[in-house]
Amino acid sequence: MANLSPSPDQLTAGQILMCPDIMLSGFAGAENGKIRIGVIVAVCALGPIGLCAIAGAKLMDAATIVAAPICSYRDVWTLFAARHLTT
């Protein structure tokens, strides 16, 4: 089984090599978190890997994704509570 695809001409070799590394890290985080359909997921830090983790969580049908650009657990739970207590 092969997973090859052509790359756009405007990308450099370095950009092409970074893409699967970052994407796989984010998707692996979603897989390792054992996300199931309908669960609530929190993603801390919204750099490239965090954004790919959000994409992975969406692909795994998470019901709600709480995205926090910070890593303080207190702040994450505050965002989580604010989202669910106001809806």
PDB file of N, CA and C in Angstrom:
ATOM      1  N   MET A   1       0.848  -1.180   0.000  1.00  0.00           N
ATOM      2  CA  MET A   1       0.000   0.000   0.000  1.00  0.00           C
ATOM      3  C   MET A   1       0.887   1.235   0.000  1.00  0.00           C
ATOM      4  N   ALA A   2       0.595   2.179  -0.854  1.00  0.00           N
ATOM      5  CA  ALA A   2       1.388   3.400  -0.949  1.00  0.00           C
ATOM      6  C   ALA A   2       0.524   4.595  -0.595  1.00  0.00           C
ATOM      7  N   ASN A   3       1.141   5.583  -0.017  1.00  0.00           N
ATOM      8  CA  ASN A   3       0.417   6.818   0.296  1.00  0.00           C
ATOM      9  C   ASN A   3       1.164   8.001  -0.309  1.00  0.00           C
ATOM     10  N   LEU A   4       1.340   7.959  -1.590  1.00  0.00           N
ATOM     11  CA  LEU A   4       2.063   9.002  -2.306  1.00  0.00           C
ATOM     12  C   LEU A   4       1.088   9.929  -3.005  1.00  0.00           C
ATOM     13  N   SER A   5       1.481  11.183  -3.090  1.00  0.00           N
ATOM     14  CA  SER A   5       0.690  12.144  -3.852  1.00  0.00           C
ATOM     15  C   SER A   5       1.639  13.214  -4.370  1.00  0.00           C
ATOM     16  N   PRO A   6       1.302  13.835  -5.477  1.00  0.00           N
ATOM     17  CA  PRO A   6       2.179  14.888  -6.008  1.00  0.00           C
ATOM     18  C   PRO A   6       2.154  16.118  -5.104  1.00  0.00           C
ATOM     19  N   SER A   7       3.252  16.820  -5.064  1.00  0.00           N
ATOM     20  CA  SER A   7       3.320  18.036  -4.249  1.00  0.00           C
ATOM     21  C   SER A   7       3.253  19.262  -5.161  1.00  0.00           C
ATOM     22  N   PRO A   8       2.686  20.349  -4.667  1.00  0.00           N
ATOM     23  CA  PRO A   8       2.623  21.573  -5.470  1.00  0.00           C
ATOM     24  C   PRO A   8       4.028  22.081  -5.796  1.00  0.00           C
ATOM     25  N   ASP A   9       4.206  22.617  -6.986  1.00  0.00           N
ATOM     26  CA  ASP A   9       5.512  23.085  -7.442  1.00  0.00           C
ATOM     27  C   ASP A   9       6.067  24.229  -6.596  1.00  0.00           C
ATOM     28  N   GLN A  10       5.199  25.050  -6.001  1.00  0.00           N
ATOM     29  CA  GLN A  10       5.682  26.225  -5.272  1.00  0.00           C
ATOM     30  C   GLN A  10       6.255  25.883  -3.881  1.00  0.00           C
ATOM     31  N   LEU A  11       6.093  24.656  -3.399  1.00  0.00           N
ATOM     32  CA  LEU A  11       6.629  24.263  -2.095  1.00  0.00           C
ATOM     33  C   LEU A  11       8.080  23.821  -2.206  1.00  0.00           C
ATOM     34  N   THR A  12       8.871  24.196  -1.199  1.00  0.00           N
ATOM     35  CA  THR A  12      10.262  23.740  -1.151  1.00  0.00           C
ATOM     36  C   THR A  12      10.317  22.335  -0.562  1.00  0.00           C
ATOM     37  N   ALA A  13      11.447  21.681  -0.714  1.00  0.00           N
ATOM     38  CA  ALA A  13      11.608  20.332  -0.160  1.00  0.00           C
ATOM     39  C   ALA A  13      11.439  20.360   1.361  1.00  0.00           C
ATOM     40  N   GLY A  14      11.936  21.394   2.029  1.00  0.00           N
ATOM     41  CA  GLY A  14      11.797  21.509   3.480  1.00  0.00           C
ATOM     42  C   GLY A  14      10.346  21.632   3.909  1.00  0.00           C
ATOM     43  N   GLN A  15       9.568  22.409   3.174  1.00  0.00           N
ATOM     44  CA  GLN A  15       8.142  22.551   3.492  1.00  0.00           C
ATOM     45  C   GLN A  15       7.405  21.231   3.297  1.00  0.00           C
ATOM     46  N   ILE A  16       7.765  20.536   2.255  1.00  0.00           N
ATOM     47  CA  ILE A  16       7.116  19.253   1.976  1.00  0.00           C
ATOM     48  C   ILE A  16       7.438  18.239   3.066  1.00  0.00           C
ATOM     49  N   LEU A  17       8.668  18.220   3.535  1.00  0.00           N
ATOM     50  CA  LEU A  17       9.059  17.263   4.570  1.00  0.00           C
ATOM     51  C   LEU A  17       8.455  17.589   5.929  1.00  0.00           C
ATOM     52  N   MET A  18       8.226  18.867   6.222  1.00  0.00           N
ATOM     53  CA  MET A  18       7.637  19.241   7.510  1.00  0.00           C
ATOM     54  C   MET A  18       6.151  18.912   7.581  1.00  0.00           C
ATOM     55  N   CYS A  19       5.466  18.963   6.458  1.00  0.00           N
ATOM     56  CA  CYS A  19       4.022  18.751   6.439  1.00  0.00           C
ATOM     57  C   CYS A  19       3.619  17.393   7.018  1.00  0.00           C
ATOM     58  N   PRO A  20       4.167  16.272   6.548  1.00  0.00           N
ATOM     59  CA  PRO A  20       3.727  14.995   7.130  1.00  0.00           C
ATOM     60  C   PRO A  20       4.133  14.846   8.588  1.00  0.00           C
ATOM     61  N   ASP A  21       5.251  15.431   8.982  1.00  0.00           N
ATOM     62  CA  ASP A  21       5.689  15.327  10.372  1.00  0.00           C
ATOM     63  C   ASP A  21       4.697  16.013  11.296  1.00  0.00           C
ATOM     64  N   ILE A  22       4.319  17.223  10.967  1.00  0.00           N
ATOM     65  CA  ILE A  22       3.386  17.985  11.796  1.00  0.00           C
ATOM     66  C   ILE A  22       1.997  17.361  11.761  1.00  0.00           C
ATOM     67  N   MET A  23       1.532  17.010  10.564  1.00  0.00           N
ATOM     68  CA  MET A  23       0.197  16.432  10.441  1.00  0.00           C
ATOM     69  C   MET A  23       0.097  15.111  11.192  1.00  0.00           C
ATOM     70  N   LEU A  24       1.099  14.261  11.041  1.00  0.00           N
ATOM     71  CA  LEU A  24       1.055  12.968  11.711  1.00  0.00           C
ATOM     72  C   LEU A  24       1.113  13.115  13.227  1.00  0.00           C
ATOM     73  N   SER A  25       1.872  14.090  13.720  1.00  0.00           N
ATOM     74  CA  SER A  25       1.921  14.317  15.171  1.00  0.00           C
ATOM     75  C   SER A  25       0.549  14.709  15.703  1.00  0.00           C
ATOM     76  N   GLY A  26      -0.125  15.615  15.023  1.00  0.00           N
ATOM     77  CA  GLY A  26      -1.457  16.041  15.450  1.00  0.00           C
ATOM     78  C   GLY A  26      -2.475  14.930  15.355  1.00  0.00           C
ATOM     79  N   PHE A  27      -2.477  14.202  14.250  1.00  0.00           N
ATOM     80  CA  PHE A  27      -3.430  13.104  14.077  1.00  0.00           C
ATOM     81  C   PHE A  27      -3.142  11.975  15.050  1.00  0.00           C
ATOM     82  N   ALA A  28      -1.859  11.712  15.327  1.00  0.00           N
ATOM     83  CA  ALA A  28      -1.509  10.663  16.287  1.00  0.00           C
ATOM     84  C   ALA A  28      -1.992  11.041  17.687  1.00  0.00           C
ATOM     85  N   GLY A  29      -1.942  12.316  18.023  1.00  0.00           N
ATOM     86  CA  GLY A  29      -2.474  12.757  19.313  1.00  0.00           C
ATOM     87  C   GLY A  29      -3.957  12.467  19.431  1.00  0.00           C
ATOM     88  N   ALA A  30      -4.687  12.694  18.353  1.00  0.00           N
ATOM     89  CA  ALA A  30      -6.124  12.397  18.350  1.00  0.00           C
ATOM     90  C   ALA A  30      -6.357  10.894  18.464  1.00  0.00           C
ATOM     91  N   GLU A  31      -5.551  10.115  17.754  1.00  0.00           N
ATOM     92  CA  GLU A  31      -5.683   8.649  17.835  1.00  0.00           C
ATOM     93  C   GLU A  31      -5.316   8.125  19.213  1.00  0.00           C
ATOM     94  N   ASN A  32      -4.201   8.598  19.756  1.00  0.00           N
ATOM     95  CA  ASN A  32      -3.750   8.125  21.074  1.00  0.00           C
ATOM     96  C   ASN A  32      -4.706   8.535  22.185  1.00  0.00           C
ATOM     97  N   GLY A  33      -5.451   9.609  21.962  1.00  0.00           N
ATOM     98  CA  GLY A  33      -6.456  10.033  22.931  1.00  0.00           C
ATOM     99  C   GLY A  33      -7.702   9.170  22.901  1.00  0.00           C
ATOM    100  N   LYS A  34      -7.746   8.238  21.967  1.00  0.00           N
ATOM    101  CA  LYS A  34      -8.883   7.306  21.843  1.00  0.00           C
ATOM    102  C   LYS A  34     -10.219   8.055  21.758  1.00  0.00           C
ATOM    103  N   ILE A  35     -10.241   9.058  20.892  1.00  0.00           N
ATOM    104  CA  ILE A  35     -11.450   9.841  20.704  1.00  0.00           C
ATOM    105  C   ILE A  35     -12.532   8.965  20.081  1.00  0.00           C
ATOM    106  N   ARG A  36     -13.710   9.024  20.675  1.00  0.00           N
ATOM    107  CA  ARG A  36     -14.859   8.275  20.162  1.00  0.00           C
ATOM    108  C   ARG A  36     -15.916   9.254  19.670  1.00  0.00           C
ATOM    109  N   ILE A  37     -16.828   8.756  18.889  1.00  0.00           N
ATOM    110  CA  ILE A  37     -17.905   9.588  18.357  1.00  0.00           C
ATOM    111  C   ILE A  37     -18.690  10.202  19.517  1.00  0.00           C
ATOM    112  N   GLY A  38     -18.890  11.525  19.456  1.00  0.00           N
ATOM    113  CA  GLY A  38     -19.728  12.207  20.430  1.00  0.00           C
ATOM    114  C   GLY A  38     -19.042  12.684  21.695  1.00  0.00           C
ATOM    115  N   VAL A  39     -17.724  12.484  21.832  1.00  0.00           N
ATOM    116  CA  VAL A  39     -17.054  12.911  23.065  1.00  0.00           C
ATOM    117  C   VAL A  39     -16.685  14.394  22.994  1.00  0.00           C
ATOM    118  N   ILE A  40     -16.303  14.936  24.144  1.00  0.00           N
ATOM    119  CA  ILE A  40     -15.816  16.310  24.241  1.00  0.00           C
ATOM    120  C   ILE A  40     -14.305  16.239  24.344  1.00  0.00           C
ATOM    121  N   VAL A  41     -13.615  17.041  23.545  1.00  0.00           N
ATOM    122  CA  VAL A  41     -12.153  17.013  23.473  1.00  0.00           C
ATOM    123  C   VAL A  41     -11.615  18.406  23.766  1.00  0.00           C
ATOM    124  N   ALA A  42     -10.520  18.479  24.523  1.00  0.00           N
ATOM    125  CA  ALA A  42      -9.822  19.745  24.739  1.00  0.00           C
ATOM    126  C   ALA A  42      -8.444  19.646  24.100  1.00  0.00           C
ATOM    127  N   VAL A  43      -8.082  20.646  23.321  1.00  0.00           N
ATOM    128  CA  VAL A  43      -6.754  20.713  22.705  1.00  0.00           C
ATOM    129  C   VAL A  43      -6.060  21.942  23.267  1.00  0.00           C
ATOM    130  N   CYS A  44      -4.926  21.729  23.912  1.00  0.00           N
ATOM    131  CA  CYS A  44      -4.135  22.824  24.479  1.00  0.00           C
ATOM    132  C   CYS A  44      -3.016  23.176  23.519  1.00  0.00           C
ATOM    133  N   ALA A  45      -2.816  24.426  23.306  1.00  0.00           N
ATOM    134  CA  ALA A  45      -1.800  24.981  22.416  1.00  0.00           C
ATOM    135  C   ALA A  45      -2.281  24.857  20.978  1.00  0.00           C
ATOM    136  N   LEU A  46      -2.290  25.952  20.278  1.00  0.00           N
ATOM    137  CA  LEU A  46      -2.861  25.984  18.940  1.00  0.00           C
ATOM    138  C   LEU A  46      -1.837  26.334  17.873  1.00  0.00           C
ATOM    139  N   GLY A  47      -0.661  25.732  18.014  1.00  0.00           N
ATOM    140  CA  GLY A  47       0.328  25.832  16.947  1.00  0.00           C
ATOM    141  C   GLY A  47      -0.043  24.861  15.835  1.00  0.00           C
ATOM    142  N   PRO A  48       0.876  24.592  14.924  1.00  0.00           N
ATOM    143  CA  PRO A  48       0.569  23.694  13.814  1.00  0.00           C
ATOM    144  C   PRO A  48       0.136  22.297  14.261  1.00  0.00           C
ATOM    145  N   ILE A  49       0.775  21.748  15.272  1.00  0.00           N
ATOM    146  CA  ILE A  49       0.410  20.404  15.732  1.00  0.00           C
ATOM    147  C   ILE A  49      -0.955  20.432  16.426  1.00  0.00           C
ATOM    148  N   GLY A  50      -1.223  21.449  17.226  1.00  0.00           N
ATOM    149  CA  GLY A  50      -2.518  21.573  17.876  1.00  0.00           C
ATOM    150  C   GLY A  50      -3.652  21.710  16.863  1.00  0.00           C
ATOM    151  N   LEU A  51      -3.411  22.477  15.809  1.00  0.00           N
ATOM    152  CA  LEU A  51      -4.430  22.626  14.768  1.00  0.00           C
ATOM    153  C   LEU A  51      -4.679  21.295  14.059  1.00  0.00           C
ATOM    154  N   CYS A  52      -3.612  20.511  13.852  1.00  0.00           N
ATOM    155  CA  CYS A  52      -3.792  19.187  13.243  1.00  0.00           C
ATOM    156  C   CYS A  52      -4.489  18.241  14.216  1.00  0.00           C
ATOM    157  N   ALA A  53      -4.265  18.405  15.517  1.00  0.00           N
ATOM    158  CA  ALA A  53      -4.986  17.598  16.497  1.00  0.00           C
ATOM    159  C   ALA A  53      -6.481  17.922  16.454  1.00  0.00           C
ATOM    160  N   ILE A  54      -6.813  19.190  16.252  1.00  0.00           N
ATOM    161  CA  ILE A  54      -8.220  19.573  16.107  1.00  0.00           C
ATOM    162  C   ILE A  54      -8.809  18.918  14.859  1.00  0.00           C
ATOM    163  N   ALA A  55      -8.067  18.954  13.766  1.00  0.00           N
ATOM    164  CA  ALA A  55      -8.539  18.313  12.533  1.00  0.00           C
ATOM    165  C   ALA A  55      -8.735  16.816  12.755  1.00  0.00           C
ATOM    166  N   GLY A  56      -7.792  16.186  13.472  1.00  0.00           N
ATOM    167  CA  GLY A  56      -7.924  14.759  13.765  1.00  0.00           C
ATOM    168  C   GLY A  56      -9.135  14.465  14.631  1.00  0.00           C
ATOM    169  N   ALA A  57      -9.389  15.321  15.614  1.00  0.00           N
ATOM    170  CA  ALA A  57     -10.563  15.130  16.478  1.00  0.00           C
ATOM    171  C   ALA A  57     -11.856  15.270  15.676  1.00  0.00           C
ATOM    172  N   LYS A  58     -11.867  16.212  14.735  1.00  0.00           N
ATOM    173  CA  LYS A  58     -13.055  16.378  13.879  1.00  0.00           C
ATOM    174  C   LYS A  58     -13.246  15.141  13.003  1.00  0.00           C
ATOM    175  N   LEU A  59     -12.148  14.610  12.472  1.00  0.00           N
ATOM    176  CA  LEU A  59     -12.235  13.412  11.635  1.00  0.00           C
ATOM    177  C   LEU A  59     -12.742  12.209  12.417  1.00  0.00           C
ATOM    178  N   MET A  60     -12.479  12.208  13.734  1.00  0.00           N
ATOM    179  CA  MET A  60     -12.924  11.097  14.573  1.00  0.00           C
ATOM    180  C   MET A  60     -14.297  11.370  15.181  1.00  0.00           C
ATOM    181  N   ASP A  61     -14.965  12.409  14.712  1.00  0.00           N
ATOM    182  CA  ASP A  61     -16.337  12.755  15.097  1.00  0.00           C
ATOM    183  C   ASP A  61     -16.521  13.149  16.554  1.00  0.00           C
ATOM    184  N   ALA A  62     -15.577  13.910  17.092  1.00  0.00           N
ATOM    185  CA  ALA A  62     -15.774  14.473  18.427  1.00  0.00           C
ATOM    186  C   ALA A  62     -16.964  15.429  18.361  1.00  0.00           C
ATOM    187  N   ALA A  63     -17.795  15.412  19.390  1.00  0.00           N
ATOM    188  CA  ALA A  63     -18.991  16.269  19.399  1.00  0.00           C
ATOM    189  C   ALA A  63     -18.622  17.728  19.632  1.00  0.00           C
ATOM    190  N   THR A  64     -17.732  17.963  20.578  1.00  0.00           N
ATOM    191  CA  THR A  64     -17.314  19.320  20.933  1.00  0.00           C
ATOM    192  C   THR A  64     -15.809  19.340  21.070  1.00  0.00           C
ATOM    193  N   ILE A  65     -15.175  20.362  20.507  1.00  0.00           N
ATOM    194  CA  ILE A  65     -13.730  20.533  20.645  1.00  0.00           C
ATOM    195  C   ILE A  65     -13.491  21.880  21.300  1.00  0.00           C
ATOM    196  N   VAL A  66     -12.881  21.852  22.476  1.00  0.00           N
ATOM    197  CA  VAL A  66     -12.523  23.075  23.183  1.00  0.00           C
ATOM    198  C   VAL A  66     -11.069  23.346  22.838  1.00  0.00           C
ATOM    199  N   ALA A  67     -10.813  24.410  22.106  1.00  0.00           N
ATOM    200  CA  ALA A  67      -9.468  24.755  21.672  1.00  0.00           C
ATOM    201  C   ALA A  67      -8.943  25.892  22.522  1.00  0.00           C
ATOM    202  N   ALA A  68      -7.835  25.655  23.199  1.00  0.00           N
ATOM    203  CA  ALA A  68      -7.274  26.650  24.111  1.00  0.00           C
ATOM    204  C   ALA A  68      -5.856  27.018  23.679  1.00  0.00           C
ATOM    205  N   PRO A  69      -5.601  28.280  23.387  1.00  0.00           N
ATOM    206  CA  PRO A  69      -4.260  28.676  22.964  1.00  0.00           C
ATOM    207  C   PRO A  69      -3.289  28.768  24.126  1.00  0.00           C
ATOM    208  N   ILE A  70      -3.666  28.235  25.268  1.00  0.00           N
ATOM    209  CA  ILE A  70      -2.846  28.268  26.468  1.00  0.00           C
ATOM    210  C   ILE A  70      -2.686  26.843  26.992  1.00  0.00           C
ATOM    211  N   CYS A  71      -1.816  26.652  27.946  1.00  0.00           N
ATOM    212  CA  CYS A  71      -1.580  25.303  28.456  1.00  0.00           C
ATOM    213  C   CYS A  71      -1.880  25.163  29.944  1.00  0.00           C
ATOM    214  N   SER A  72      -2.435  26.170  30.564  1.00  0.00           N
ATOM    215  CA  SER A  72      -2.795  26.089  31.963  1.00  0.00           C
ATOM    216  C   SER A  72      -4.086  25.286  32.102  1.00  0.00           C
ATOM    217  N   TYR A  73      -4.052  24.224  32.882  1.00  0.00           N
ATOM    218  CA  TYR A  73      -5.251  23.391  33.039  1.00  0.00           C
ATOM    219  C   TYR A  73      -6.401  24.182  33.650  1.00  0.00           C
ATOM    220  N   ARG A  74      -6.087  25.109  34.526  1.00  0.00           N
ATOM    221  CA  ARG A  74      -7.137  25.937  35.122  1.00  0.00           C
ATOM    222  C   ARG A  74      -7.859  26.743  34.053  1.00  0.00           C
ATOM    223  N   ASP A  75      -7.085  27.333  33.131  1.00  0.00           N
ATOM    224  CA  ASP A  75      -7.692  28.111  32.060  1.00  0.00           C
ATOM    225  C   ASP A  75      -8.505  27.232  31.119  1.00  0.00           C
ATOM    226  N   VAL A  76      -8.006  26.023  30.845  1.00  0.00           N
ATOM    227  CA  VAL A  76      -8.737  25.107  29.962  1.00  0.00           C
ATOM    228  C   VAL A  76     -10.073  24.754  30.584  1.00  0.00           C
ATOM    229  N   TRP A  77     -10.097  24.438  31.873  1.00  0.00           N
ATOM    230  CA  TRP A  77     -11.364  24.074  32.516  1.00  0.00           C
ATOM    231  C   TRP A  77     -12.303  25.270  32.600  1.00  0.00           C
ATOM    232  N   THR A  78     -11.755  26.464  32.713  1.00  0.00           N
ATOM    233  CA  THR A  78     -12.592  27.665  32.698  1.00  0.00           C
ATOM    234  C   THR A  78     -13.271  27.814  31.340  1.00  0.00           C
ATOM    235  N   LEU A  79     -12.503  27.641  30.271  1.00  0.00           N
ATOM    236  CA  LEU A  79     -13.083  27.708  28.931  1.00  0.00           C
ATOM    237  C   LEU A  79     -14.125  26.608  28.730  1.00  0.00           C
ATOM    238  N   PHE A  80     -13.818  25.425  29.208  1.00  0.00           N
ATOM    239  CA  PHE A  80     -14.731  24.283  29.084  1.00  0.00           C
ATOM    240  C   PHE A  80     -16.037  24.569  29.814  1.00  0.00           C
ATOM    241  N   ALA A  81     -15.929  25.046  31.034  1.00  0.00           N
ATOM    242  CA  ALA A  81     -17.122  25.333  31.832  1.00  0.00           C
ATOM    243  C   ALA A  81     -17.925  26.469  31.195  1.00  0.00           C
ATOM    244  N   ALA A  82     -17.246  27.488  30.725  1.00  0.00           N
ATOM    245  CA  ALA A  82     -17.948  28.611  30.102  1.00  0.00           C
ATOM    246  C   ALA A  82     -18.718  28.147  28.874  1.00  0.00           C
ATOM    247  N   ARG A  83     -18.142  27.268  28.115  1.00  0.00           N
ATOM    248  CA  ARG A  83     -18.802  26.767  26.895  1.00  0.00           C
ATOM    249  C   ARG A  83     -20.046  25.951  27.246  1.00  0.00           C
ATOM    250  N   HIS A  84     -19.974  25.137  28.278  1.00  0.00           N
ATOM    251  CA  HIS A  84     -21.059  24.218  28.556  1.00  0.00           C
ATOM    252  C   HIS A  84     -22.101  24.751  29.542  1.00  0.00           C
ATOM    253  N   LEU A  85     -21.736  25.748  30.300  1.00  0.00           N
ATOM    254  CA  LEU A  85     -22.707  26.302  31.241  1.00  0.00           C
ATOM    255  C   LEU A  85     -23.557  27.386  30.590  1.00  0.00           C
ATOM    256  N   THR A  86     -23.107  27.886  29.438  1.00  0.00           N
ATOM    257  CA  THR A  86     -23.849  28.955  28.777  1.00  0.00           C
ATOM    258  C   THR A  86     -24.687  28.451  27.607  1.00  0.00           C
ATOM    259  N   THR A  87     -24.614  27.152  27.305  1.00  0.00           N
ATOM    260  CA  THR A  87     -25.395  26.645  26.162  1.00  0.00           C
ATOM    261  C   THR A  87     -26.548  25.787  26.633  1.00  0.00           C
TER     262      THR A  87
END
